[in-house]
């Protein structure tokens, strides 16, 4: 039960951080890592979100559903964050950012699916 609460808290905290980063006008002031490609940053950010969602969903719905739902959920949330930028004059909605979000989320979900299904076969589950 404590692990589930931790997974929920991690998902919520990360979602808030992504939303905040999506709305502030100068992200580079708050992210200490030099980012050379905005698209890579989007892909990595939503890959991490998909991983958090996968960890939350895996115990309740299995590997396949967890992979699909985590990729879809992270991509959908990326769309919400991108759309919220329409409310911020200093930010711009970009379809290519949403595409990078989807690629990152789907990649992470696929890797996690393969890693956990392989582990299940080795463990005899």
N, C-alpha and C. Protein backbone atom coordinates (compact mmCIF):
# COMPACT_ATOMS: atom_id res chain seq x y z
N UNK A 1 0.82 -1.20 0.00
CA UNK A 1 0.00 0.00 0.00
C UNK A 1 0.86 1.26 0.00
N UNK A 2 1.97 1.24 0.74
CA UNK A 2 2.87 2.40 0.79
C UNK A 2 3.52 2.62 -0.58
N UNK A 3 3.82 1.54 -1.28
CA UNK A 3 4.43 1.65 -2.61
C UNK A 3 3.45 2.31 -3.58
N UNK A 4 2.20 1.94 -3.48
CA UNK A 4 1.16 2.53 -4.35
C UNK A 4 1.01 4.02 -4.06
N UNK A 5 1.01 4.39 -2.79
CA UNK A 5 0.90 5.81 -2.43
C UNK A 5 2.09 6.60 -2.95
N UNK A 6 3.26 5.99 -2.86
CA UNK A 6 4.46 6.64 -3.37
C UNK A 6 4.37 6.82 -4.89
N UNK A 7 3.88 5.83 -5.60
CA UNK A 7 3.73 5.92 -7.05
C UNK A 7 2.73 7.01 -7.43
N UNK A 8 1.64 7.11 -6.68
CA UNK A 8 0.64 8.16 -6.93
C UNK A 8 1.26 9.53 -6.67
N UNK A 9 1.97 9.67 -5.57
CA UNK A 9 2.60 10.95 -5.23
C UNK A 9 3.63 11.35 -6.28
N UNK A 10 4.43 10.40 -6.73
CA UNK A 10 5.45 10.68 -7.75
C UNK A 10 4.79 11.13 -9.05
N UNK A 11 3.71 10.47 -9.45
CA UNK A 11 2.99 10.85 -10.66
C UNK A 11 2.41 12.26 -10.55
N UNK A 12 1.80 12.55 -9.44
CA UNK A 12 1.20 13.89 -9.26
C UNK A 12 2.26 14.98 -9.22
N UNK A 13 3.33 14.74 -8.49
CA UNK A 13 4.40 15.73 -8.39
C UNK A 13 5.02 15.97 -9.76
N UNK A 14 5.29 14.92 -10.48
CA UNK A 14 5.90 15.07 -11.80
C UNK A 14 4.96 15.79 -12.76
N UNK A 15 3.67 15.50 -12.69
CA UNK A 15 2.70 16.18 -13.54
C UNK A 15 2.67 17.68 -13.25
N UNK A 16 2.75 18.03 -11.99
CA UNK A 16 2.78 19.45 -11.61
C UNK A 16 4.05 20.12 -12.14
N UNK A 17 5.18 19.44 -12.02
CA UNK A 17 6.44 19.99 -12.53
C UNK A 17 6.36 20.20 -14.04
N UNK A 18 5.84 19.23 -14.78
CA UNK A 18 5.70 19.37 -16.23
C UNK A 18 4.79 20.54 -16.59
N UNK A 19 3.69 20.68 -15.87
CA UNK A 19 2.78 21.79 -16.14
C UNK A 19 3.46 23.12 -15.86
N UNK A 20 4.17 23.21 -14.75
CA UNK A 20 4.88 24.45 -14.41
C UNK A 20 5.92 24.79 -15.47
N UNK A 21 6.69 23.79 -15.90
CA UNK A 21 7.69 24.03 -16.93
C UNK A 21 7.04 24.43 -18.26
N UNK A 22 5.85 23.90 -18.50
CA UNK A 22 5.13 24.24 -19.72
C UNK A 22 4.59 25.66 -19.72
N UNK A 23 4.41 26.23 -18.55
CA UNK A 23 3.80 27.56 -18.48
C UNK A 23 4.79 28.69 -18.23
N UNK A 24 5.96 28.39 -17.68
CA UNK A 24 6.89 29.49 -17.42
C UNK A 24 7.51 29.96 -18.74
N UNK A 25 7.87 31.23 -18.75
CA UNK A 25 8.34 31.80 -20.01
C UNK A 25 9.79 31.44 -20.35
N UNK A 26 10.65 31.25 -19.35
CA UNK A 26 12.05 30.94 -19.62
C UNK A 26 12.45 29.68 -18.86
N UNK A 27 12.28 28.54 -19.51
CA UNK A 27 12.54 27.25 -18.88
C UNK A 27 14.01 27.10 -18.51
N UNK A 28 14.90 27.66 -19.30
CA UNK A 28 16.33 27.48 -19.06
C UNK A 28 16.77 28.04 -17.70
N UNK A 29 16.04 28.98 -17.15
CA UNK A 29 16.37 29.51 -15.82
C UNK A 29 16.13 28.48 -14.72
N UNK A 30 15.22 27.54 -14.95
CA UNK A 30 14.83 26.59 -13.92
C UNK A 30 15.38 25.19 -14.13
N UNK A 31 15.90 24.91 -15.32
CA UNK A 31 16.45 23.59 -15.63
C UNK A 31 17.97 23.74 -15.71
N UNK A 32 18.71 23.19 -14.75
CA UNK A 32 20.16 23.40 -14.70
C UNK A 32 20.95 22.66 -15.77
N UNK A 33 20.31 21.76 -16.50
CA UNK A 33 20.99 20.97 -17.52
C UNK A 33 20.91 21.72 -18.85
N UNK A 34 22.03 21.91 -19.53
CA UNK A 34 21.96 22.58 -20.83
C UNK A 34 21.24 21.68 -21.85
N UNK A 35 20.16 22.17 -22.39
CA UNK A 35 19.37 21.40 -23.33
C UNK A 35 19.67 21.90 -24.74
N UNK A 36 20.23 21.02 -25.57
CA UNK A 36 20.61 21.42 -26.91
C UNK A 36 19.45 21.26 -27.89
N UNK A 37 18.51 20.39 -27.58
CA UNK A 37 17.37 20.17 -28.47
C UNK A 37 16.08 20.17 -27.67
N UNK A 38 15.19 21.06 -28.04
CA UNK A 38 13.89 21.14 -27.39
C UNK A 38 13.10 19.85 -27.58
N UNK A 39 13.21 19.25 -28.75
CA UNK A 39 12.46 18.03 -29.03
C UNK A 39 12.97 16.85 -28.20
N UNK A 40 14.27 16.77 -28.02
CA UNK A 40 14.83 15.71 -27.16
C UNK A 40 14.36 15.92 -25.72
N UNK A 41 14.35 17.15 -25.27
CA UNK A 41 13.88 17.45 -23.92
C UNK A 41 12.42 17.02 -23.74
N UNK A 42 11.59 17.29 -24.73
CA UNK A 42 10.19 16.86 -24.67
C UNK A 42 10.09 15.34 -24.62
N UNK A 43 10.83 14.67 -25.49
CA UNK A 43 10.77 13.20 -25.53
C UNK A 43 11.21 12.59 -24.21
N UNK A 44 12.28 13.10 -23.64
CA UNK A 44 12.77 12.58 -22.36
C UNK A 44 11.78 12.87 -21.24
N UNK A 45 11.25 14.08 -21.20
CA UNK A 45 10.31 14.45 -20.13
C UNK A 45 9.08 13.55 -20.13
N UNK A 46 8.55 13.26 -21.31
CA UNK A 46 7.34 12.43 -21.37
C UNK A 46 7.64 10.94 -21.33
N UNK A 47 8.88 10.55 -21.62
CA UNK A 47 9.29 9.18 -21.38
C UNK A 47 9.31 8.92 -19.88
N UNK A 48 9.81 9.89 -19.12
CA UNK A 48 9.83 9.76 -17.66
C UNK A 48 8.40 9.70 -17.13
N UNK A 49 7.53 10.55 -17.67
CA UNK A 49 6.15 10.51 -17.19
C UNK A 49 5.49 9.17 -17.50
N UNK A 50 5.74 8.65 -18.69
CA UNK A 50 5.19 7.33 -19.03
C UNK A 50 5.73 6.25 -18.10
N UNK A 51 6.99 6.36 -17.72
CA UNK A 51 7.58 5.38 -16.79
C UNK A 51 6.90 5.46 -15.42
N UNK A 52 6.66 6.66 -14.95
CA UNK A 52 5.94 6.80 -13.67
C UNK A 52 4.54 6.21 -13.77
N UNK A 53 3.85 6.49 -14.87
CA UNK A 53 2.51 5.93 -15.05
C UNK A 53 2.54 4.42 -15.17
N UNK A 54 3.51 3.88 -15.87
CA UNK A 54 3.64 2.43 -16.02
C UNK A 54 3.83 1.77 -14.66
N UNK A 55 4.69 2.35 -13.84
CA UNK A 55 4.92 1.79 -12.50
C UNK A 55 3.65 1.82 -11.66
N UNK A 56 2.85 2.86 -11.83
CA UNK A 56 1.60 2.97 -11.09
C UNK A 56 0.57 1.96 -11.58
N UNK A 57 0.49 1.78 -12.88
CA UNK A 57 -0.55 0.93 -13.47
C UNK A 57 -0.22 -0.56 -13.49
N UNK A 58 1.05 -0.91 -13.55
CA UNK A 58 1.46 -2.31 -13.72
C UNK A 58 0.83 -3.27 -12.72
N UNK A 59 0.82 -2.97 -11.43
CA UNK A 59 0.25 -3.95 -10.49
C UNK A 59 -1.25 -4.19 -10.65
N UNK A 60 -1.96 -3.24 -11.24
CA UNK A 60 -3.41 -3.38 -11.31
C UNK A 60 -3.93 -3.84 -12.66
N UNK A 61 -3.17 -3.61 -13.74
CA UNK A 61 -3.76 -3.96 -15.04
C UNK A 61 -2.85 -4.76 -15.96
N UNK A 62 -1.69 -5.17 -15.50
CA UNK A 62 -0.83 -6.01 -16.32
C UNK A 62 0.05 -5.22 -17.28
N UNK A 63 1.00 -5.94 -17.87
CA UNK A 63 2.03 -5.30 -18.69
C UNK A 63 1.50 -4.63 -19.95
N UNK A 64 0.70 -5.33 -20.71
CA UNK A 64 0.21 -4.78 -21.97
C UNK A 64 -0.64 -3.55 -21.78
N UNK A 65 -1.62 -3.65 -20.91
CA UNK A 65 -2.49 -2.49 -20.66
C UNK A 65 -1.72 -1.35 -20.02
N UNK A 66 -0.82 -1.67 -19.11
CA UNK A 66 -0.02 -0.62 -18.47
C UNK A 66 0.81 0.13 -19.51
N UNK A 67 1.36 -0.60 -20.48
CA UNK A 67 2.16 0.03 -21.53
C UNK A 67 1.31 0.95 -22.39
N UNK A 68 0.17 0.45 -22.84
CA UNK A 68 -0.71 1.26 -23.70
C UNK A 68 -1.23 2.47 -22.94
N UNK A 69 -1.73 2.24 -21.74
CA UNK A 69 -2.29 3.35 -20.97
C UNK A 69 -1.25 4.38 -20.55
N UNK A 70 -0.06 3.94 -20.23
CA UNK A 70 0.97 4.90 -19.84
C UNK A 70 1.42 5.74 -21.04
N UNK A 71 1.56 5.13 -22.20
CA UNK A 71 1.92 5.89 -23.40
C UNK A 71 0.81 6.86 -23.77
N UNK A 72 -0.42 6.38 -23.74
CA UNK A 72 -1.56 7.23 -24.08
C UNK A 72 -1.74 8.35 -23.04
N UNK A 73 -1.65 8.00 -21.77
CA UNK A 73 -1.83 8.99 -20.72
C UNK A 73 -0.78 10.08 -20.74
N UNK A 74 0.48 9.70 -20.92
CA UNK A 74 1.55 10.70 -20.97
C UNK A 74 1.40 11.59 -22.19
N UNK A 75 1.02 11.01 -23.32
CA UNK A 75 0.82 11.80 -24.54
C UNK A 75 -0.36 12.75 -24.38
N UNK A 76 -1.44 12.25 -23.81
CA UNK A 76 -2.62 13.09 -23.57
C UNK A 76 -2.27 14.25 -22.64
N UNK A 77 -1.55 13.96 -21.58
CA UNK A 77 -1.16 15.03 -20.65
C UNK A 77 -0.23 16.02 -21.35
N UNK A 78 0.65 15.54 -22.21
CA UNK A 78 1.50 16.44 -22.99
C UNK A 78 0.67 17.38 -23.84
N UNK A 79 -0.43 16.86 -24.38
CA UNK A 79 -1.35 17.71 -25.15
C UNK A 79 -2.02 18.76 -24.29
N UNK A 80 -2.38 18.38 -23.08
CA UNK A 80 -2.98 19.33 -22.14
C UNK A 80 -1.99 20.44 -21.81
N UNK A 81 -0.75 20.05 -21.55
CA UNK A 81 0.28 21.05 -21.22
C UNK A 81 0.53 21.96 -22.43
N UNK A 82 0.63 21.37 -23.62
CA UNK A 82 0.83 22.19 -24.82
C UNK A 82 -0.35 23.13 -25.04
N UNK A 83 -1.57 22.64 -24.87
CA UNK A 83 -2.75 23.48 -25.05
C UNK A 83 -2.81 24.60 -24.01
N UNK A 84 -2.34 24.32 -22.81
CA UNK A 84 -2.34 25.35 -21.77
C UNK A 84 -1.40 26.51 -22.12
N UNK A 85 -0.46 26.25 -23.02
CA UNK A 85 0.44 27.31 -23.45
C UNK A 85 -0.28 28.36 -24.28
N UNK A 86 -1.47 28.03 -24.78
CA UNK A 86 -2.27 29.02 -25.49
C UNK A 86 -2.70 30.15 -24.55
N UNK A 87 -2.72 29.86 -23.26
CA UNK A 87 -3.09 30.86 -22.25
C UNK A 87 -1.92 31.71 -21.81
N UNK A 88 -0.73 31.32 -22.19
CA UNK A 88 0.50 32.02 -21.77
C UNK A 88 1.08 32.76 -22.98
N UNK A 89 1.06 34.09 -22.96
CA UNK A 89 1.52 34.85 -24.13
C UNK A 89 2.97 34.58 -24.53
N UNK A 90 3.81 34.22 -23.59
CA UNK A 90 5.22 33.99 -23.89
C UNK A 90 5.49 32.59 -24.45
N UNK A 91 4.49 31.72 -24.45
CA UNK A 91 4.67 30.35 -24.93
C UNK A 91 3.81 30.11 -26.16
N UNK A 92 4.16 29.06 -26.92
CA UNK A 92 3.45 28.76 -28.17
C UNK A 92 3.16 27.27 -28.22
N UNK A 93 1.94 26.91 -28.60
CA UNK A 93 1.58 25.51 -28.84
C UNK A 93 2.31 25.06 -30.10
N UNK A 94 2.98 23.92 -30.01
CA UNK A 94 3.68 23.39 -31.18
C UNK A 94 3.36 21.91 -31.34
N UNK A 95 2.87 21.57 -32.52
CA UNK A 95 2.53 20.17 -32.81
C UNK A 95 3.76 19.28 -32.76
N UNK A 96 4.91 19.82 -33.15
CA UNK A 96 6.13 18.99 -33.13
C UNK A 96 6.53 18.65 -31.70
N UNK A 97 6.25 19.53 -30.74
CA UNK A 97 6.49 19.21 -29.33
C UNK A 97 5.59 18.07 -28.89
N UNK A 98 4.34 18.12 -29.31
CA UNK A 98 3.39 17.06 -28.97
C UNK A 98 3.83 15.73 -29.60
N UNK A 99 4.35 15.79 -30.80
CA UNK A 99 4.87 14.58 -31.45
C UNK A 99 6.06 14.01 -30.68
N UNK A 100 6.96 14.90 -30.26
CA UNK A 100 8.11 14.44 -29.46
C UNK A 100 7.65 13.84 -28.14
N UNK A 101 6.62 14.43 -27.53
CA UNK A 101 6.06 13.87 -26.29
C UNK A 101 5.57 12.45 -26.54
N UNK A 102 4.84 12.26 -27.63
CA UNK A 102 4.28 10.94 -27.95
C UNK A 102 5.38 9.92 -28.24
N UNK A 103 6.41 10.33 -28.96
CA UNK A 103 7.52 9.42 -29.27
C UNK A 103 8.23 9.00 -27.98
N UNK A 104 8.49 9.95 -27.11
CA UNK A 104 9.15 9.64 -25.84
C UNK A 104 8.30 8.72 -24.98
N UNK A 105 7.01 9.04 -24.87
CA UNK A 105 6.11 8.23 -24.04
C UNK A 105 5.98 6.81 -24.59
N UNK A 106 5.78 6.69 -25.89
CA UNK A 106 5.63 5.36 -26.49
C UNK A 106 6.92 4.55 -26.39
N UNK A 107 8.04 5.21 -26.56
CA UNK A 107 9.33 4.50 -26.46
C UNK A 107 9.55 3.96 -25.06
N UNK A 108 9.28 4.78 -24.07
CA UNK A 108 9.46 4.33 -22.68
C UNK A 108 8.50 3.18 -22.36
N UNK A 109 7.25 3.32 -22.79
CA UNK A 109 6.26 2.27 -22.52
C UNK A 109 6.68 0.95 -23.18
N UNK A 110 7.18 1.03 -24.41
CA UNK A 110 7.62 -0.18 -25.11
C UNK A 110 8.81 -0.83 -24.42
N UNK A 111 9.78 -0.03 -24.04
CA UNK A 111 10.97 -0.56 -23.35
C UNK A 111 10.57 -1.19 -22.02
N UNK A 112 9.71 -0.52 -21.27
CA UNK A 112 9.28 -1.07 -19.97
C UNK A 112 8.46 -2.34 -20.15
N UNK A 113 7.62 -2.37 -21.17
CA UNK A 113 6.86 -3.58 -21.45
C UNK A 113 7.79 -4.75 -21.74
N UNK A 114 8.75 -4.51 -22.62
CA UNK A 114 9.69 -5.58 -22.97
C UNK A 114 10.54 -6.00 -21.77
N UNK A 115 10.97 -5.04 -20.98
CA UNK A 115 11.80 -5.36 -19.80
C UNK A 115 11.02 -6.15 -18.77
N UNK A 116 9.78 -5.77 -18.52
CA UNK A 116 9.00 -6.48 -17.50
C UNK A 116 8.49 -7.81 -18.01
N UNK A 117 8.20 -7.92 -19.31
CA UNK A 117 7.73 -9.22 -19.80
C UNK A 117 8.88 -10.21 -19.86
N UNK A 118 10.07 -9.74 -20.15
CA UNK A 118 11.23 -10.63 -20.14
C UNK A 118 11.53 -11.09 -18.72
N UNK A 119 11.44 -10.16 -17.76
CA UNK A 119 11.69 -10.50 -16.36
C UNK A 119 10.64 -11.52 -15.89
N UNK A 120 9.40 -11.36 -16.32
CA UNK A 120 8.35 -12.29 -15.92
C UNK A 120 8.65 -13.69 -16.44
N UNK A 121 9.15 -13.80 -17.65
CA UNK A 121 9.47 -15.11 -18.21
C UNK A 121 10.65 -15.76 -17.48
N UNK A 122 11.62 -14.94 -17.11
CA UNK A 122 12.78 -15.46 -16.38
C UNK A 122 12.37 -15.90 -14.98
N UNK A 123 11.49 -15.13 -14.34
CA UNK A 123 11.03 -15.45 -12.99
C UNK A 123 10.00 -16.57 -12.99
N UNK A 124 9.51 -16.96 -14.16
CA UNK A 124 8.53 -18.03 -14.23
C UNK A 124 7.12 -17.58 -13.98
N UNK A 125 6.85 -16.30 -14.16
CA UNK A 125 5.49 -15.78 -13.96
C UNK A 125 4.69 -15.86 -15.22
